[in-house]
């Protein structure tokens, strides 16, 4: 059940006075396994851009830690094994996990204010979700996060246009 290129790519949509990136991935793993991969520290470190400090409980504060700076957040929704939503700095991230045949469908929604960072962040989430799939499969990527970002970023610049591409690469895009 390999996803098509179109299923793997993120889309950009308006979200009131904000913007939203939407990624949907069909995964060959049970929802419970996908849930563990998006909530348990030992799995998150393989694909999520920051170490998450805090508890997954509605209203709980979170701290996101990385070599490139730390910031705060808060859990907005936590409904195992199907829904996780939290404030991630200035963004709101929502992960939805649903059964899809003998596997799962994972939807990632990233809602944010600044249109200019859409292509940058879409490439970042694309690389992160590719790494998540590798983690679920029990393998390691043959690429670094920065290499994957560099490979997919031009597609998002072309797809979203110049107004959604004014913010450059994230700090340390080559380092991961």
C-alpha atoms as a PDB file:
ATOM      1  CA  UNK A   1       0.000   0.000   0.000  1.00  0.00           C
ATOM      2  CA  UNK A   2       2.618   2.544  -1.062  1.00  0.00           C
ATOM      3  CA  UNK A   3       1.253   6.102  -1.169  1.00  0.00           C
ATOM      4  CA  UNK A   4       1.207   7.942  -4.444  1.00  0.00           C
ATOM      5  CA  UNK A   5       3.269  11.101  -4.805  1.00  0.00           C
ATOM      6  CA  UNK A   6       0.099  13.191  -4.564  1.00  0.00           C
ATOM      7  CA  UNK A   7      -0.953  11.551  -1.276  1.00  0.00           C
ATOM      8  CA  UNK A   8       2.469  12.245   0.215  1.00  0.00           C
ATOM      9  CA  UNK A   9       2.568  15.940  -0.716  1.00  0.00           C
ATOM     10  CA  UNK A  10       1.187  18.630   1.515  1.00  0.00           C
ATOM     11  CA  UNK A  11      -1.423  21.153   0.478  1.00  0.00           C
ATOM     12  CA  UNK A  12      -1.925  24.751   1.561  1.00  0.00           C
ATOM     13  CA  UNK A  13      -5.357  26.116   2.424  1.00  0.00           C
ATOM     14  CA  UNK A  14      -6.798  29.204   4.103  1.00  0.00           C
ATOM     15  CA  UNK A  15      -7.932  28.723   7.706  1.00  0.00           C
ATOM     16  CA  UNK A  16      -9.920  31.832   8.632  1.00  0.00           C
ATOM     17  CA  UNK A  17      -7.345  34.608   8.993  1.00  0.00           C
ATOM     18  CA  UNK A  18      -4.549  32.022   9.191  1.00  0.00           C
ATOM     19  CA  UNK A  19      -3.104  29.358   6.858  1.00  0.00           C
ATOM     20  CA  UNK A  20      -3.027  25.584   7.107  1.00  0.00           C
ATOM     21  CA  UNK A  21      -0.770  22.896   5.711  1.00  0.00           C
ATOM     22  CA  UNK A  22      -2.472  19.523   5.314  1.00  0.00           C
ATOM     23  CA  UNK A  23      -0.674  16.220   4.898  1.00  0.00           C
ATOM     24  CA  UNK A  24      -2.414  12.874   4.617  1.00  0.00           C
ATOM     25  CA  UNK A  25      -0.370   9.697   4.638  1.00  0.00           C
ATOM     26  CA  UNK A  26      -1.708   6.193   4.257  1.00  0.00           C
ATOM     27  CA  UNK A  27       0.442   3.923   6.395  1.00  0.00           C
ATOM     28  CA  UNK A  28       0.622   0.139   6.476  1.00  0.00           C
ATOM     29  CA  UNK A  29       0.697   0.095  10.277  1.00  0.00           C
ATOM     30  CA  UNK A  30      -2.129  -0.237  12.801  1.00  0.00           C
ATOM     31  CA  UNK A  31      -3.448   2.987  14.360  1.00  0.00           C
ATOM     32  CA  UNK A  32      -2.078   1.968  17.766  1.00  0.00           C
ATOM     33  CA  UNK A  33       1.466   1.724  16.380  1.00  0.00           C
ATOM     34  CA  UNK A  34       1.133   5.064  14.602  1.00  0.00           C
ATOM     35  CA  UNK A  35      -0.204   6.604  17.826  1.00  0.00           C
ATOM     36  CA  UNK A  36       2.850   5.414  19.761  1.00  0.00           C
ATOM     37  CA  UNK A  37       5.103   6.880  17.050  1.00  0.00           C
ATOM     38  CA  UNK A  38       3.523  10.327  17.396  1.00  0.00           C
ATOM     39  CA  UNK A  39       3.313  10.392  21.210  1.00  0.00           C
ATOM     40  CA  UNK A  40       6.164   8.365  22.751  1.00  0.00           C
ATOM     41  CA  UNK A  41       9.550  10.091  23.227  1.00  0.00           C
ATOM     42  CA  UNK A  42      11.651   7.185  21.923  1.00  0.00           C
ATOM     43  CA  UNK A  43       9.760   7.316  18.612  1.00  0.00           C
ATOM     44  CA  UNK A  44       9.350  11.100  18.389  1.00  0.00           C
ATOM     45  CA  UNK A  45      13.106  11.618  18.499  1.00  0.00           C
ATOM     46  CA  UNK A  46      13.404   9.767  15.163  1.00  0.00           C
ATOM     47  CA  UNK A  47      11.209  12.196  13.246  1.00  0.00           C
ATOM     48  CA  UNK A  48       9.838  15.198  15.204  1.00  0.00           C
ATOM     49  CA  UNK A  49      11.970  18.375  14.984  1.00  0.00           C
ATOM     50  CA  UNK A  50      12.119  18.974  18.764  1.00  0.00           C
ATOM     51  CA  UNK A  51      12.272  16.980  21.958  1.00  0.00           C
ATOM     52  CA  UNK A  52       8.883  17.287  23.657  1.00  0.00           C
ATOM     53  CA  UNK A  53       8.942  17.895  27.420  1.00  0.00           C
ATOM     54  CA  UNK A  54       5.624  17.582  29.233  1.00  0.00           C
ATOM     55  CA  UNK A  55       2.625  15.312  29.479  1.00  0.00           C
ATOM     56  CA  UNK A  56       0.024  14.578  26.862  1.00  0.00           C
ATOM     57  CA  UNK A  57      -2.994  15.835  28.813  1.00  0.00           C
ATOM     58  CA  UNK A  58      -5.474  18.516  27.748  1.00  0.00           C
ATOM     59  CA  UNK A  59      -4.355  21.889  29.114  1.00  0.00           C
ATOM     60  CA  UNK A  60      -0.857  20.651  30.041  1.00  0.00           C
ATOM     61  CA  UNK A  61       2.067  22.934  29.198  1.00  0.00           C
ATOM     62  CA  UNK A  62       4.703  21.623  26.798  1.00  0.00           C
ATOM     63  CA  UNK A  63       8.274  22.662  26.136  1.00  0.00           C
ATOM     64  CA  UNK A  64       9.953  21.989  22.803  1.00  0.00           C
ATOM     65  CA  UNK A  65      13.722  21.647  23.030  1.00  0.00           C
ATOM     66  CA  UNK A  66      16.329  21.574  20.252  1.00  0.00           C
ATOM     67  CA  UNK A  67      19.842  22.753  19.489  1.00  0.00           C
ATOM     68  CA  UNK A  68      18.279  25.670  17.577  1.00  0.00           C
ATOM     69  CA  UNK A  69      16.193  27.087  20.415  1.00  0.00           C
ATOM     70  CA  UNK A  70      13.419  26.136  22.788  1.00  0.00           C
ATOM     71  CA  UNK A  71       9.841  27.344  22.941  1.00  0.00           C
ATOM     72  CA  UNK A  72       6.571  26.686  24.702  1.00  0.00           C
ATOM     73  CA  UNK A  73       3.279  25.088  23.817  1.00  0.00           C
ATOM     74  CA  UNK A  74       0.174  23.544  25.297  1.00  0.00           C
ATOM     75  CA  UNK A  75      -1.948  20.434  24.724  1.00  0.00           C
ATOM     76  CA  UNK A  76      -5.338  21.336  23.208  1.00  0.00           C
ATOM     77  CA  UNK A  77      -6.764  17.854  22.517  1.00  0.00           C
ATOM     78  CA  UNK A  78      -5.701  14.347  23.480  1.00  0.00           C
ATOM     79  CA  UNK A  79      -7.920  11.435  22.493  1.00  0.00           C
ATOM     80  CA  UNK A  80      -5.837   8.233  22.191  1.00  0.00           C
ATOM     81  CA  UNK A  81      -5.387   6.657  19.726  1.00  0.00           C
ATOM     82  CA  UNK A  82      -6.984   9.043  17.238  1.00  0.00           C
ATOM     83  CA  UNK A  83      -6.423  12.753  17.982  1.00  0.00           C
ATOM     84  CA  UNK A  84      -3.573  14.889  19.288  1.00  0.00           C
ATOM     85  CA  UNK A  85      -3.582  18.686  18.988  1.00  0.00           C
ATOM     86  CA  UNK A  86      -1.211  21.167  20.559  1.00  0.00           C
ATOM     87  CA  UNK A  87       0.222  24.653  20.293  1.00  0.00           C
ATOM     88  CA  UNK A  88       3.777  24.445  18.951  1.00  0.00           C
ATOM     89  CA  UNK A  89       5.244  27.916  19.385  1.00  0.00           C
ATOM     90  CA  UNK A  90       2.984  30.086  17.203  1.00  0.00           C
ATOM     91  CA  UNK A  91       1.580  27.141  15.204  1.00  0.00           C
ATOM     92  CA  UNK A  92      -1.204  24.734  16.074  1.00  0.00           C
ATOM     93  CA  UNK A  93      -0.444  21.122  15.152  1.00  0.00           C
ATOM     94  CA  UNK A  94      -3.180  18.515  14.858  1.00  0.00           C
ATOM     95  CA  UNK A  95      -2.573  14.810  14.248  1.00  0.00           C
ATOM     96  CA  UNK A  96      -5.525  12.602  13.336  1.00  0.00           C
ATOM     97  CA  UNK A  97      -5.093   8.820  13.147  1.00  0.00           C
ATOM     98  CA  UNK A  98      -7.805   6.637  11.605  1.00  0.00           C
ATOM     99  CA  UNK A  99      -8.013   2.993  10.612  1.00  0.00           C
ATOM    100  CA  UNK A 100      -7.673   2.549   6.849  1.00  0.00           C
ATOM    101  CA  UNK A 101      -8.153  -1.056   5.789  1.00  0.00           C
ATOM    102  CA  UNK A 102      -5.415  -3.067   7.466  1.00  0.00           C
ATOM    103  CA  UNK A 103      -3.351   0.086   8.067  1.00  0.00           C
ATOM    104  CA  UNK A 104      -3.910   3.714   9.036  1.00  0.00           C
ATOM    105  CA  UNK A 105      -4.472   7.152   7.636  1.00  0.00           C
ATOM    106  CA  UNK A 106      -2.469   9.884   9.361  1.00  0.00           C
ATOM    107  CA  UNK A 107      -3.481  13.497   8.807  1.00  0.00           C
ATOM    108  CA  UNK A 108      -1.203  16.311   9.970  1.00  0.00           C
ATOM    109  CA  UNK A 109      -2.616  19.837  10.029  1.00  0.00           C
ATOM    110  CA  UNK A 110      -0.278  22.756  10.770  1.00  0.00           C
ATOM    111  CA  UNK A 111      -2.139  26.058  11.228  1.00  0.00           C
ATOM    112  CA  UNK A 112      -0.019  29.223  11.262  1.00  0.00           C
ATOM    113  CA  UNK A 113      -0.105  32.989  10.706  1.00  0.00           C
ATOM    114  CA  UNK A 114       2.647  33.841   8.204  1.00  0.00           C
ATOM    115  CA  UNK A 115       1.941  32.779   4.610  1.00  0.00           C
ATOM    116  CA  UNK A 116       5.577  33.379   3.646  1.00  0.00           C
ATOM    117  CA  UNK A 117       6.769  30.318   5.578  1.00  0.00           C
ATOM    118  CA  UNK A 118       4.363  27.844   3.957  1.00  0.00           C
ATOM    119  CA  UNK A 119       6.814  26.307   1.447  1.00  0.00           C
ATOM    120  CA  UNK A 120       9.598  26.142   4.039  1.00  0.00           C
ATOM    121  CA  UNK A 121       7.410  24.427   6.621  1.00  0.00           C
ATOM    122  CA  UNK A 122       5.738  22.117   4.096  1.00  0.00           C
ATOM    123  CA  UNK A 123       9.152  20.825   3.045  1.00  0.00           C
ATOM    124  CA  UNK A 124      10.045  20.369   6.712  1.00  0.00           C
ATOM    125  CA  UNK A 125       6.897  18.405   7.527  1.00  0.00           C
ATOM    126  CA  UNK A 126       7.301  16.371   4.353  1.00  0.00           C
ATOM    127  CA  UNK A 127      10.800  15.345   5.490  1.00  0.00           C
ATOM    128  CA  UNK A 128       9.555  14.671   9.034  1.00  0.00           C
ATOM    129  CA  UNK A 129       6.712  12.455   7.802  1.00  0.00           C
ATOM    130  CA  UNK A 130       9.096  10.565   5.526  1.00  0.00           C
ATOM    131  CA  UNK A 131      11.280   9.928   8.600  1.00  0.00           C
ATOM    132  CA  UNK A 132       8.196   8.872  10.589  1.00  0.00           C
ATOM    133  CA  UNK A 133       7.389   6.276   7.923  1.00  0.00           C
ATOM    134  CA  UNK A 134      10.956   4.977   8.161  1.00  0.00           C
ATOM    135  CA  UNK A 135      10.619   4.774  11.963  1.00  0.00           C
ATOM    136  CA  UNK A 136       7.346   2.856  11.651  1.00  0.00           C
ATOM    137  CA  UNK A 137       8.985   0.452   9.187  1.00  0.00           C
ATOM    138  CA  UNK A 138      11.881  -0.110  11.614  1.00  0.00           C
ATOM    139  CA  UNK A 139      14.485   1.380   9.292  1.00  0.00           C
ATOM    140  CA  UNK A 140      16.679   4.450   9.195  1.00  0.00           C
ATOM    141  CA  UNK A 141      16.548   7.007   6.376  1.00  0.00           C
ATOM    142  CA  UNK A 142      19.421   6.956   3.895  1.00  0.00           C
ATOM    143  CA  UNK A 143      19.230  10.777   3.870  1.00  0.00           C
ATOM    144  CA  UNK A 144      19.562  13.502   6.451  1.00  0.00           C
ATOM    145  CA  UNK A 145      16.597  15.702   7.284  1.00  0.00           C
ATOM    146  CA  UNK A 146      18.352  18.619   5.567  1.00  0.00           C
ATOM    147  CA  UNK A 147      18.979  16.608   2.396  1.00  0.00           C
ATOM    148  CA  UNK A 148      15.333  15.570   2.216  1.00  0.00           C
ATOM    149  CA  UNK A 149      14.203  19.157   2.874  1.00  0.00           C
ATOM    150  CA  UNK A 150      16.433  20.406   0.037  1.00  0.00           C
ATOM    151  CA  UNK A 151      15.006  17.754  -2.310  1.00  0.00           C
ATOM    152  CA  UNK A 152      11.309  18.546  -1.737  1.00  0.00           C
ATOM    153  CA  UNK A 153      11.400  22.305  -1.043  1.00  0.00           C
ATOM    154  CA  UNK A 154      11.493  23.416  -4.726  1.00  0.00           C
ATOM    155  CA  UNK A 155       8.270  21.490  -5.378  1.00  0.00           C
ATOM    156  CA  UNK A 156       6.478  23.415  -2.610  1.00  0.00           C
ATOM    157  CA  UNK A 157       7.871  26.745  -3.834  1.00  0.00           C
ATOM    158  CA  UNK A 158       6.477  25.951  -7.279  1.00  0.00           C
ATOM    159  CA  UNK A 159       3.153  24.618  -5.953  1.00  0.00           C
ATOM    160  CA  UNK A 160       2.431  27.408  -3.430  1.00  0.00           C
ATOM    161  CA  UNK A 161       3.944  30.364  -5.313  1.00  0.00           C
ATOM    162  CA  UNK A 162       6.303  33.213  -4.408  1.00  0.00           C
ATOM    163  CA  UNK A 163       4.104  34.788  -1.691  1.00  0.00           C
ATOM    164  CA  UNK A 164       4.228  31.487   0.227  1.00  0.00           C
ATOM    165  CA  UNK A 165       7.991  31.188  -0.193  1.00  0.00           C
ATOM    166  CA  UNK A 166       9.459  34.352   1.311  1.00  0.00           C
ATOM    167  CA  UNK A 167      10.947  32.701   4.416  1.00  0.00           C
ATOM    168  CA  UNK A 168      14.145  30.745   3.779  1.00  0.00           C
ATOM    169  CA  UNK A 169      15.428  27.435   5.076  1.00  0.00           C
ATOM    170  CA  UNK A 170      15.083  26.658   8.759  1.00  0.00           C
ATOM    171  CA  UNK A 171      18.178  27.071  10.883  1.00  0.00           C
ATOM    172  CA  UNK A 172      20.191  23.870  10.733  1.00  0.00           C
ATOM    173  CA  UNK A 173      18.349  22.419   7.746  1.00  0.00           C
ATOM    174  CA  UNK A 174      21.530  20.525   6.873  1.00  0.00           C
ATOM    175  CA  UNK A 175      22.343  19.470  10.423  1.00  0.00           C
ATOM    176  CA  UNK A 176      19.776  16.780  11.117  1.00  0.00           C
END
